[in-house]
PDB file of all heavy atoms in Angstrom:
ATOM      1  N   PRO A   1       0.808  -1.235   0.000  1.00  0.00           N
ATOM      2  CA  PRO A   1       0.000   0.000   0.000  1.00  0.00           C
ATOM      3  C   PRO A   1       0.832   1.272   0.000  1.00  0.00           C
ATOM      4  O   PRO A   1       0.318   2.356  -0.282  1.00  0.00           O
ATOM      5  CB  PRO A   1      -0.822  -0.110   1.291  1.00  0.00           C
ATOM      6  CG  PRO A   1      -0.762  -1.557   1.663  1.00  0.00           C
ATOM      7  CD  PRO A   1       0.575  -2.032   1.215  1.00  0.00           C
ATOM      8  N   GLY A   2       2.113   1.162   0.349  1.00  0.00           N
ATOM      9  CA  GLY A   2       2.968   2.344   0.382  1.00  0.00           C
ATOM     10  C   GLY A   2       2.715   3.232   1.568  1.00  0.00           C
ATOM     11  O   GLY A   2       2.954   4.432   1.525  1.00  0.00           O
ATOM     12  N   THR A   3       2.240   2.654   2.667  1.00  0.00           N
ATOM     13  CA  THR A   3       1.877   3.450   3.843  1.00  0.00           C
ATOM     14  C   THR A   3       2.896   3.339   4.962  1.00  0.00           C
ATOM     15  O   THR A   3       2.612   3.667   6.099  1.00  0.00           O
ATOM     16  CB  THR A   3       0.505   3.001   4.380  1.00  0.00           C
ATOM     17  OG1 THR A   3       0.538   1.586   4.637  1.00  0.00           O
ATOM     18  CG2 THR A   3      -0.589   3.302   3.376  1.00  0.00           C
ATOM     19  N   GLY A   4       4.097   2.878   4.668  1.00  0.00           N
ATOM     20  CA  GLY A   4       5.096   2.741   5.711  1.00  0.00           C
ATOM     21  C   GLY A   4       5.175   1.319   6.211  1.00  0.00           C
ATOM     22  O   GLY A   4       4.530   0.409   5.699  1.00  0.00           O
ATOM     23  N   THR A   5       5.949   1.090   7.246  1.00  0.00           N
ATOM     24  CA  THR A   5       6.257  -0.259   7.702  1.00  0.00           C
ATOM     25  C   THR A   5       5.624  -0.632   9.034  1.00  0.00           C
ATOM     26  O   THR A   5       5.768  -1.738   9.496  1.00  0.00           O
ATOM     27  CB  THR A   5       7.777  -0.424   7.836  1.00  0.00           C
ATOM     28  OG1 THR A   5       8.275   0.525   8.811  1.00  0.00           O
ATOM     29  CG2 THR A   5       8.477  -0.168   6.510  1.00  0.00           C
ATOM     30  N   GLN A   6       4.941   0.295   9.686  1.00  0.00           N
ATOM     31  CA  GLN A   6       4.411   0.037  11.021  1.00  0.00           C
ATOM     32  C   GLN A   6       3.505  -1.193  11.043  1.00  0.00           C
ATOM     33  O   GLN A   6       3.556  -2.005  11.954  1.00  0.00           O
ATOM     34  CB  GLN A   6       3.634   1.256  11.523  1.00  0.00           C
ATOM     35  CG  GLN A   6       3.079   1.125  12.945  1.00  0.00           C
ATOM     36  CD  GLN A   6       4.162   1.180  13.993  1.00  0.00           C
ATOM     37  OE1 GLN A   6       5.277   1.630  13.721  1.00  0.00           O
ATOM     38  NE2 GLN A   6       3.874   0.704  15.193  1.00  0.00           N
ATOM     39  N   ASP A   7       2.681  -1.353  10.022  1.00  0.00           N
ATOM     40  CA  ASP A   7       1.720  -2.449  10.010  1.00  0.00           C
ATOM     41  C   ASP A   7       2.364  -3.795   9.755  1.00  0.00           C
ATOM     42  O   ASP A   7       1.716  -4.823   9.883  1.00  0.00           O
ATOM     43  CB  ASP A   7       0.655  -2.186   8.932  1.00  0.00           C
ATOM     44  CG  ASP A   7      -0.427  -3.256   8.917  1.00  0.00           C
ATOM     45  OD1 ASP A   7      -1.048  -3.468   9.980  1.00  0.00           O
ATOM     46  OD2 ASP A   7      -0.622  -3.889   7.869  1.00  0.00           O
ATOM     47  N   THR A   8       3.636  -3.838   9.397  1.00  0.00           N
ATOM     48  CA  THR A   8       4.274  -5.114   9.094  1.00  0.00           C
ATOM     49  C   THR A   8       4.783  -5.834  10.333  1.00  0.00           C
ATOM     50  O   THR A   8       5.129  -7.002  10.267  1.00  0.00           O
ATOM     51  CB  THR A   8       5.470  -4.932   8.135  1.00  0.00           C
ATOM     52  OG1 THR A   8       6.483  -4.166   8.795  1.00  0.00           O
ATOM     53  CG2 THR A   8       5.035  -4.240   6.866  1.00  0.00           C
ATOM     54  N   GLN A   9       4.846  -5.135  11.476  1.00  0.00           N
ATOM     55  CA  GLN A   9       5.414  -5.735  12.682  1.00  0.00           C
ATOM     56  C   GLN A   9       4.319  -6.168  13.659  1.00  0.00           C
ATOM     57  O   GLN A   9       3.231  -5.591  13.692  1.00  0.00           O
ATOM     58  CB  GLN A   9       6.348  -4.751  13.392  1.00  0.00           C
ATOM     59  CG  GLN A   9       7.495  -4.252  12.516  1.00  0.00           C
ATOM     60  CD  GLN A   9       8.303  -5.383  11.926  1.00  0.00           C
ATOM     61  OE1 GLN A   9       8.253  -5.606  10.740  1.00  0.00           O
ATOM     62  NE2 GLN A   9       9.033  -6.096  12.762  1.00  0.00           N
ATOM     63  N   THR A  10       4.647  -7.206  14.435  1.00  0.00           N
ATOM     64  CA  THR A  10       3.741  -7.649  15.489  1.00  0.00           C
ATOM     65  C   THR A  10       4.522  -7.700  16.790  1.00  0.00           C
ATOM     66  O   THR A  10       5.388  -8.549  16.982  1.00  0.00           O
ATOM     67  CB  THR A  10       3.095  -9.011  15.156  1.00  0.00           C
ATOM     68  OG1 THR A  10       2.316  -9.445  16.270  1.00  0.00           O
ATOM     69  CG2 THR A  10       4.109 -10.074  14.770  1.00  0.00           C
ATOM     70  N   TYR A  11       4.240  -6.751  17.663  1.00  0.00           N
ATOM     71  CA  TYR A  11       5.071  -6.562  18.844  1.00  0.00           C
ATOM     72  C   TYR A  11       4.613  -7.362  20.055  1.00  0.00           C
ATOM     73  O   TYR A  11       5.349  -7.516  21.015  1.00  0.00           O
ATOM     74  CB  TYR A  11       5.097  -5.073  19.215  1.00  0.00           C
ATOM     75  CG  TYR A  11       5.620  -4.189  18.123  1.00  0.00           C
ATOM     76  CD1 TYR A  11       4.778  -3.362  17.397  1.00  0.00           C
ATOM     77  CD2 TYR A  11       6.969  -4.195  17.795  1.00  0.00           C
ATOM     78  CE1 TYR A  11       5.258  -2.552  16.384  1.00  0.00           C
ATOM     79  CE2 TYR A  11       7.464  -3.389  16.774  1.00  0.00           C
ATOM     80  CZ  TYR A  11       6.601  -2.571  16.078  1.00  0.00           C
ATOM     81  OH  TYR A  11       7.083  -1.777  15.070  1.00  0.00           O
ATOM     82  N   GLY A  12       3.391  -7.863  20.023  1.00  0.00           N
ATOM     83  CA  GLY A  12       2.837  -8.454  21.232  1.00  0.00           C
ATOM     84  C   GLY A  12       3.228  -9.886  21.494  1.00  0.00           C
ATOM     85  O   GLY A  12       3.235 -10.340  22.630  1.00  0.00           O
ATOM     86  N   LYS A  13       3.561 -10.665  20.432  1.00  0.00           N
ATOM     87  CA  LYS A  13       3.857 -12.081  20.624  1.00  0.00           C
ATOM     88  C   LYS A  13       4.642 -12.587  19.429  1.00  0.00           C
ATOM     89  O   LYS A  13       4.695 -11.947  18.375  1.00  0.00           O
ATOM     90  CB  LYS A  13       2.574 -12.887  20.775  1.00  0.00           C
ATOM     91  CG  LYS A  13       1.652 -12.816  19.561  1.00  0.00           C
ATOM     92  CD  LYS A  13       0.402 -13.636  19.769  1.00  0.00           C
ATOM     93  CE  LYS A  13      -0.498 -13.570  18.536  1.00  0.00           C
ATOM     94  NZ  LYS A  13      -1.709 -14.391  18.680  1.00  0.00           N
ATOM     95  N   ASP A  14       5.252 -13.754  19.596  1.00  0.00           N
ATOM     96  CA  ASP A  14       5.995 -14.341  18.489  1.00  0.00           C
ATOM     97  C   ASP A  14       5.318 -15.591  17.953  1.00  0.00           C
ATOM     98  O   ASP A  14       5.806 -16.222  17.026  1.00  0.00           O
ATOM     99  CB  ASP A  14       7.425 -14.693  18.916  1.00  0.00           C
ATOM    100  CG  ASP A  14       7.479 -15.863  19.888  1.00  0.00           C
ATOM    101  OD1 ASP A  14       6.462 -16.103  20.565  1.00  0.00           O
ATOM    102  OD2 ASP A  14       8.526 -16.521  19.964  1.00  0.00           O
ATOM    103  N   SER A  15       4.184 -15.964  18.517  1.00  0.00           N
ATOM    104  CA  SER A  15       3.575 -17.252  18.188  1.00  0.00           C
ATOM    105  C   SER A  15       2.679 -17.161  16.963  1.00  0.00           C
ATOM    106  O   SER A  15       2.238 -16.086  16.566  1.00  0.00           O
ATOM    107  CB  SER A  15       2.758 -17.764  19.376  1.00  0.00           C
ATOM    108  OG  SER A  15       1.736 -16.854  19.698  1.00  0.00           O
ATOM    109  N   TYR A  16       2.412 -18.335  16.384  1.00  0.00           N
ATOM    110  CA  TYR A  16       1.487 -18.448  15.263  1.00  0.00           C
ATOM    111  C   TYR A  16       0.060 -18.564  15.781  1.00  0.00           C
ATOM    112  O   TYR A  16      -0.179 -19.022  16.902  1.00  0.00           O
ATOM    113  CB  TYR A  16       1.804 -19.696  14.436  1.00  0.00           C
ATOM    114  CG  TYR A  16       2.977 -19.553  13.512  1.00  0.00           C
ATOM    115  CD1 TYR A  16       4.272 -19.799  13.955  1.00  0.00           C
ATOM    116  CD2 TYR A  16       2.801 -19.184  12.191  1.00  0.00           C
ATOM    117  CE1 TYR A  16       5.350 -19.687  13.099  1.00  0.00           C
ATOM    118  CE2 TYR A  16       3.868 -19.066  11.322  1.00  0.00           C
ATOM    119  CZ  TYR A  16       5.146 -19.321  11.784  1.00  0.00           C
ATOM    120  OH  TYR A  16       6.208 -19.194  10.934  1.00  0.00           O
ATOM    121  N   GLU A  17      -0.880 -18.172  14.941  1.00  0.00           N
ATOM    122  CA  GLU A  17      -2.287 -18.418  15.216  1.00  0.00           C
ATOM    123  C   GLU A  17      -2.646 -19.778  14.621  1.00  0.00           C
ATOM    124  O   GLU A  17      -2.453 -20.022  13.437  1.00  0.00           O
ATOM    125  CB  GLU A  17      -3.147 -17.310  14.598  1.00  0.00           C
ATOM    126  CG  GLU A  17      -2.872 -15.950  15.216  1.00  0.00           C
ATOM    127  CD  GLU A  17      -3.690 -14.843  14.578  1.00  0.00           C
ATOM    128  OE1 GLU A  17      -4.570 -15.164  13.741  1.00  0.00           O
ATOM    129  OE2 GLU A  17      -3.447 -13.679  14.888  1.00  0.00           O
ATOM    130  N   ARG A  18      -3.136 -20.678  15.479  1.00  0.00           N
ATOM    131  CA  ARG A  18      -3.431 -22.042  15.046  1.00  0.00           C
ATOM    132  C   ARG A  18      -4.833 -22.426  15.505  1.00  0.00           C
ATOM    133  O   ARG A  18      -5.018 -23.052  16.540  1.00  0.00           O
ATOM    134  CB  ARG A  18      -2.410 -23.020  15.635  1.00  0.00           C
ATOM    135  CG  ARG A  18      -0.983 -22.860  15.108  1.00  0.00           C
ATOM    136  CD  ARG A  18      -0.080 -23.945  15.686  1.00  0.00           C
ATOM    137  NE  ARG A  18       1.232 -23.953  15.077  1.00  0.00           N
ATOM    138  CZ  ARG A  18       2.307 -23.351  15.592  1.00  0.00           C
ATOM    139  NH1 ARG A  18       2.192 -22.666  16.715  1.00  0.00           N
ATOM    140  NH2 ARG A  18       3.473 -23.421  14.994  1.00  0.00           N
ATOM    141  N   ASP A  19      -5.805 -22.047  14.725  1.00  0.00           N
ATOM    142  CA  ASP A  19      -7.186 -22.350  15.075  1.00  0.00           C
ATOM    143  C   ASP A  19      -7.649 -23.693  14.527  1.00  0.00           C
ATOM    144  O   ASP A  19      -8.681 -24.212  14.936  1.00  0.00           O
ATOM    145  CB  ASP A  19      -8.115 -21.245  14.557  1.00  0.00           C
ATOM    146  CG  ASP A  19      -7.849 -19.916  15.249  1.00  0.00           C
ATOM    147  OD1 ASP A  19      -7.455 -19.941  16.429  1.00  0.00           O
ATOM    148  OD2 ASP A  19      -8.017 -18.871  14.611  1.00  0.00           O
ATOM    149  N   TYR A  20      -6.882 -24.229  13.597  1.00  0.00           N
ATOM    150  CA  TYR A  20      -7.209 -25.520  13.000  1.00  0.00           C
ATOM    151  C   TYR A  20      -6.012 -26.459  13.113  1.00  0.00           C
ATOM    152  O   TYR A  20      -4.862 -26.023  13.075  1.00  0.00           O
ATOM    153  CB  TYR A  20      -7.608 -25.370  11.529  1.00  0.00           C
ATOM    154  CG  TYR A  20      -9.030 -24.911  11.351  1.00  0.00           C
ATOM    155  CD1 TYR A  20      -9.385 -23.593  11.633  1.00  0.00           C
ATOM    156  CD2 TYR A  20     -10.024 -25.782  10.937  1.00  0.00           C
ATOM    157  CE1 TYR A  20     -10.695 -23.155  11.491  1.00  0.00           C
ATOM    158  CE2 TYR A  20     -11.341 -25.357  10.792  1.00  0.00           C
ATOM    159  CZ  TYR A  20     -11.662 -24.045  11.068  1.00  0.00           C
ATOM    160  OH  TYR A  20     -12.965 -23.624  10.937  1.00  0.00           O
ATOM    161  N   GLN A  21      -6.307 -27.723  13.279  1.00  0.00           N
ATOM    162  CA  GLN A  21      -5.283 -28.744  13.455  1.00  0.00           C
ATOM    163  C   GLN A  21      -5.225 -29.639  12.213  1.00  0.00           C
ATOM    164  O   GLN A  21      -6.254 -30.159  11.761  1.00  0.00           O
ATOM    165  CB  GLN A  21      -5.627 -29.609  14.676  1.00  0.00           C
ATOM    166  CG  GLN A  21      -4.603 -30.673  15.011  1.00  0.00           C
ATOM    167  CD  GLN A  21      -3.443 -30.093  15.785  1.00  0.00           C
ATOM    168  OE1 GLN A  21      -3.630 -29.304  16.701  1.00  0.00           O
ATOM    169  NE2 GLN A  21      -2.244 -30.471  15.404  1.00  0.00           N
ATOM    170  N   TYR A  22      -4.047 -29.796  11.654  1.00  0.00           N
ATOM    171  CA  TYR A  22      -3.865 -30.763  10.577  1.00  0.00           C
ATOM    172  C   TYR A  22      -3.961 -32.166  11.168  1.00  0.00           C
ATOM    173  O   TYR A  22      -3.271 -32.494  12.135  1.00  0.00           O
ATOM    174  CB  TYR A  22      -2.502 -30.561   9.923  1.00  0.00           C
ATOM    175  CG  TYR A  22      -2.104 -31.652   8.947  1.00  0.00           C
ATOM    176  CD1 TYR A  22      -2.623 -31.675   7.662  1.00  0.00           C
ATOM    177  CD2 TYR A  22      -1.202 -32.646   9.315  1.00  0.00           C
ATOM    178  CE1 TYR A  22      -2.265 -32.666   6.759  1.00  0.00           C
ATOM    179  CE2 TYR A  22      -0.830 -33.639   8.422  1.00  0.00           C
ATOM    180  CZ  TYR A  22      -1.365 -33.648   7.145  1.00  0.00           C
ATOM    181  OH  TYR A  22      -1.002 -34.641   6.267  1.00  0.00           O
ATOM    182  N   ILE A  23      -4.831 -32.995  10.612  1.00  0.00           N
ATOM    183  CA  ILE A  23      -5.005 -34.361  11.093  1.00  0.00           C
ATOM    184  C   ILE A  23      -4.260 -35.367  10.224  1.00  0.00           C
ATOM    185  O   ILE A  23      -3.595 -36.267  10.720  1.00  0.00           O
ATOM    186  CB  ILE A  23      -6.500 -34.736  11.158  1.00  0.00           C
ATOM    187  CG1 ILE A  23      -7.217 -33.847  12.185  1.00  0.00           C
ATOM    188  CG2 ILE A  23      -6.687 -36.211  11.516  1.00  0.00           C
ATOM    189  CD1 ILE A  23      -6.711 -34.017  13.612  1.00  0.00           C
ATOM    190  N   GLY A  24      -4.367 -35.228   8.909  1.00  0.00           N
ATOM    191  CA  GLY A  24      -3.673 -36.155   8.033  1.00  0.00           C
ATOM    192  C   GLY A  24      -4.168 -36.038   6.606  1.00  0.00           C
ATOM    193  O   GLY A  24      -4.970 -35.171   6.274  1.00  0.00           O
ATOM    194  N   LYS A  25      -3.695 -36.922   5.780  1.00  0.00           N
ATOM    195  CA  LYS A  25      -4.086 -36.933   4.375  1.00  0.00           C
ATOM    196  C   LYS A  25      -4.865 -38.208   4.073  1.00  0.00           C
ATOM    197  O   LYS A  25      -4.649 -39.259   4.685  1.00  0.00           O
ATOM    198  CB  LYS A  25      -2.862 -36.826   3.471  1.00  0.00           C
ATOM    199  CG  LYS A  25      -1.834 -37.919   3.707  1.00  0.00           C
ATOM    200  CD  LYS A  25      -0.545 -37.609   3.012  1.00  0.00           C
ATOM    201  CE  LYS A  25       0.480 -38.707   3.331  1.00  0.00           C
ATOM    202  NZ  LYS A  25       1.802 -38.411   2.797  1.00  0.00           N
ATOM    203  N   ILE A  26      -5.794 -38.103   3.124  1.00  0.00           N
ATOM    204  CA  ILE A  26      -6.599 -39.251   2.707  1.00  0.00           C
ATOM    205  C   ILE A  26      -5.796 -40.035   1.678  1.00  0.00           C
ATOM    206  O   ILE A  26      -5.455 -39.516   0.609  1.00  0.00           O
ATOM    207  CB  ILE A  26      -7.939 -38.790   2.117  1.00  0.00           C
ATOM    208  CG1 ILE A  26      -8.734 -38.005   3.173  1.00  0.00           C
ATOM    209  CG2 ILE A  26      -8.740 -39.987   1.621  1.00  0.00           C
ATOM    210  CD1 ILE A  26      -9.998 -37.369   2.632  1.00  0.00           C
ATOM    211  N   ILE A  27      -5.463 -41.282   1.999  1.00  0.00           N
ATOM    212  CA  ILE A  27      -4.618 -42.074   1.112  1.00  0.00           C
ATOM    213  C   ILE A  27      -5.410 -43.133   0.351  1.00  0.00           C
ATOM    214  O   ILE A  27      -4.887 -43.752  -0.573  1.00  0.00           O
ATOM    215  CB  ILE A  27      -3.466 -42.734   1.890  1.00  0.00           C
ATOM    216  CG1 ILE A  27      -3.999 -43.622   3.014  1.00  0.00           C
ATOM    217  CG2 ILE A  27      -2.525 -41.670   2.433  1.00  0.00           C
ATOM    218  CD1 ILE A  27      -2.917 -44.429   3.712  1.00  0.00           C
ATOM    219  N   ASP A  28      -6.679 -43.346   0.731  1.00  0.00           N
ATOM    220  CA  ASP A  28      -7.532 -44.273   0.000  1.00  0.00           C
ATOM    221  C   ASP A  28      -8.976 -43.880   0.271  1.00  0.00           C
ATOM    222  O   ASP A  28      -9.282 -43.295   1.321  1.00  0.00           O
ATOM    223  CB  ASP A  28      -7.282 -45.713   0.443  1.00  0.00           C
ATOM    224  CG  ASP A  28      -7.841 -46.725  -0.550  1.00  0.00           C
ATOM    225  OD1 ASP A  28      -8.238 -46.312  -1.666  1.00  0.00           O
ATOM    226  OD2 ASP A  28      -7.897 -47.924  -0.212  1.00  0.00           O
ATOM    227  N   ARG A  29      -9.860 -44.173  -0.694  1.00  0.00           N
ATOM    228  CA  ARG A  29     -11.250 -43.819  -0.495  1.00  0.00           C
ATOM    229  C   ARG A  29     -12.133 -44.741  -1.327  1.00  0.00           C
ATOM    230  O   ARG A  29     -11.741 -45.185  -2.408  1.00  0.00           O
ATOM    231  CB  ARG A  29     -11.505 -42.358  -0.855  1.00  0.00           C
ATOM    232  CG  ARG A  29     -11.673 -42.082  -2.344  1.00  0.00           C
ATOM    233  CD  ARG A  29     -10.573 -41.215  -2.884  1.00  0.00           C
ATOM    234  NE  ARG A  29     -11.018 -40.613  -4.141  1.00  0.00           N
ATOM    235  CZ  ARG A  29     -10.905 -41.188  -5.330  1.00  0.00           C
ATOM    236  NH1 ARG A  29     -10.350 -42.385  -5.446  1.00  0.00           N
ATOM    237  NH2 ARG A  29     -11.352 -40.582  -6.420  1.00  0.00           N
ATOM    238  N   THR A  30     -13.302 -45.040  -0.758  1.00  0.00           N
ATOM    239  CA  THR A  30     -14.366 -45.743  -1.468  1.00  0.00           C
ATOM    240  C   THR A  30     -15.640 -44.949  -1.243  1.00  0.00           C
ATOM    241  O   THR A  30     -15.613 -43.890  -0.607  1.00  0.00           O
ATOM    242  CB  THR A  30     -14.543 -47.180  -0.941  1.00  0.00           C
ATOM    243  OG1 THR A  30     -15.095 -47.127   0.389  1.00  0.00           O
ATOM    244  CG2 THR A  30     -13.211 -47.926  -0.898  1.00  0.00           C
ATOM    245  N   ASP A  31     -16.759 -45.459  -1.738  1.00  0.00           N
ATOM    246  CA  ASP A  31     -18.010 -44.739  -1.503  1.00  0.00           C
ATOM    247  C   ASP A  31     -18.591 -45.025  -0.122  1.00  0.00           C
ATOM    248  O   ASP A  31     -19.672 -44.540   0.220  1.00  0.00           O
ATOM    249  CB  ASP A  31     -19.033 -45.053  -2.590  1.00  0.00           C
ATOM    250  CG  ASP A  31     -19.283 -46.549  -2.730  1.00  0.00           C
ATOM    251  OD1 ASP A  31     -18.735 -47.328  -1.921  1.00  0.00           O
ATOM    252  OD2 ASP A  31     -20.031 -46.937  -3.644  1.00  0.00           O
ATOM    253  N   THR A  32     -17.848 -45.795   0.702  1.00  0.00           N
ATOM    254  CA  THR A  32     -18.324 -46.092   2.059  1.00  0.00           C
ATOM    255  C   THR A  32     -17.347 -45.676   3.153  1.00  0.00           C
ATOM    256  O   THR A  32     -17.724 -45.580   4.320  1.00  0.00           O
ATOM    257  CB  THR A  32     -18.616 -47.591   2.228  1.00  0.00           C
ATOM    258  OG1 THR A  32     -17.423 -48.344   1.956  1.00  0.00           O
ATOM    259  CG2 THR A  32     -19.730 -48.032   1.298  1.00  0.00           C
ATOM    260  N   ASP A  33     -16.076 -45.445   2.805  1.00  0.00           N
ATOM    261  CA  ASP A  33     -15.128 -45.010   3.842  1.00  0.00           C
ATOM    262  C   ASP A  33     -13.908 -44.337   3.228  1.00  0.00           C
ATOM    263  O   ASP A  33     -13.690 -44.370   2.012  1.00  0.00           O
ATOM    264  CB  ASP A  33     -14.711 -46.163   4.756  1.00  0.00           C
ATOM    265  CG  ASP A  33     -13.834 -47.207   4.071  1.00  0.00           C
ATOM    266  OD1 ASP A  33     -13.305 -46.935   2.980  1.00  0.00           O
ATOM    267  OD2 ASP A  33     -13.668 -48.304   4.627  1.00  0.00           O
ATOM    268  N   ILE A  34     -13.129 -43.685   4.101  1.00  0.00           N
ATOM    269  CA  ILE A  34     -11.846 -43.103   3.708  1.00  0.00           C
ATOM    270  C   ILE A  34     -10.773 -43.646   4.641  1.00  0.00           C
ATOM    271  O   ILE A  34     -11.054 -44.005   5.796  1.00  0.00           O
ATOM    272  CB  ILE A  34     -11.861 -41.558   3.774  1.00  0.00           C
ATOM    273  CG1 ILE A  34     -12.256 -41.074   5.182  1.00  0.00           C
ATOM    274  CG2 ILE A  34     -12.770 -40.976   2.715  1.00  0.00           C
ATOM    275  CD1 ILE A  34     -12.144 -39.568   5.366  1.00  0.00           C
ATOM    276  N   THR A  35      -9.547 -43.723   4.141  1.00  0.00           N
ATOM    277  CA  THR A  35      -8.406 -44.136   4.949  1.00  0.00           C
ATOM    278  C   THR A  35      -7.494 -42.939   5.134  1.00  0.00           C
ATOM    279  O   THR A  35      -7.086 -42.296   4.157  1.00  0.00           O
ATOM    280  CB  THR A  35      -7.628 -45.279   4.277  1.00  0.00           C
ATOM    281  OG1 THR A  35      -8.510 -46.371   4.045  1.00  0.00           O
ATOM    282  CG2 THR A  35      -6.483 -45.739   5.173  1.00  0.00           C
ATOM    283  N   ILE A  36      -7.178 -42.622   6.396  1.00  0.00           N
ATOM    284  CA  ILE A  36      -6.364 -41.458   6.730  1.00  0.00           C
ATOM    285  C   ILE A  36      -4.986 -41.904   7.202  1.00  0.00           C
ATOM    286  O   ILE A  36      -4.873 -42.777   8.078  1.00  0.00           O
ATOM    287  CB  ILE A  36      -7.025 -40.619   7.839  1.00  0.00           C
ATOM    288  CG1 ILE A  36      -8.359 -40.045   7.365  1.00  0.00           C
ATOM    289  CG2 ILE A  36      -6.107 -39.490   8.280  1.00  0.00           C
ATOM    290  CD1 ILE A  36      -9.096 -39.281   8.443  1.00  0.00           C
ATOM    291  N   ASP A  37      -3.954 -41.328   6.616  1.00  0.00           N
ATOM    292  CA  ASP A  37      -2.605 -41.448   7.152  1.00  0.00           C
ATOM    293  C   ASP A  37      -2.488 -40.352   8.203  1.00  0.00           C
ATOM    294  O   ASP A  37      -2.362 -39.175   7.883  1.00  0.00           O
ATOM    295  CB  ASP A  37      -1.585 -41.266   6.037  1.00  0.00           C
ATOM    296  CG  ASP A  37      -0.166 -41.520   6.514  1.00  0.00           C
ATOM    297  OD1 ASP A  37       0.021 -41.944   7.659  1.00  0.00           O
ATOM    298  OD2 ASP A  37       0.775 -41.271   5.729  1.00  0.00           O
ATOM    299  N   CYS A  38      -2.545 -40.734   9.451  1.00  0.00           N
ATOM    300  CA  CYS A  38      -2.802 -39.788  10.542  1.00  0.00           C
ATOM    301  C   CYS A  38      -1.519 -39.107  11.026  1.00  0.00           C
ATOM    302  O   CYS A  38      -0.491 -39.744  11.240  1.00  0.00           O
ATOM    303  CB  CYS A  38      -3.460 -40.542  11.701  1.00  0.00           C
ATOM    304  SG  CYS A  38      -4.099 -39.481  12.986  1.00  0.00           S
TER     305      CYS A  38
END
C-alpha cells in the first residue's frame, strides 16, 4: 500500500495463530469409507 512499515510488525507475541489442526491426508477412499494417514 505504500503506507510505511508500522503495520508489518507484530510486537505483542511471536507465536502463530493455530485455530485448525492438521489431522492427516486421505490415502484411500471408497463410496463407504476413507483411509487417513494420521
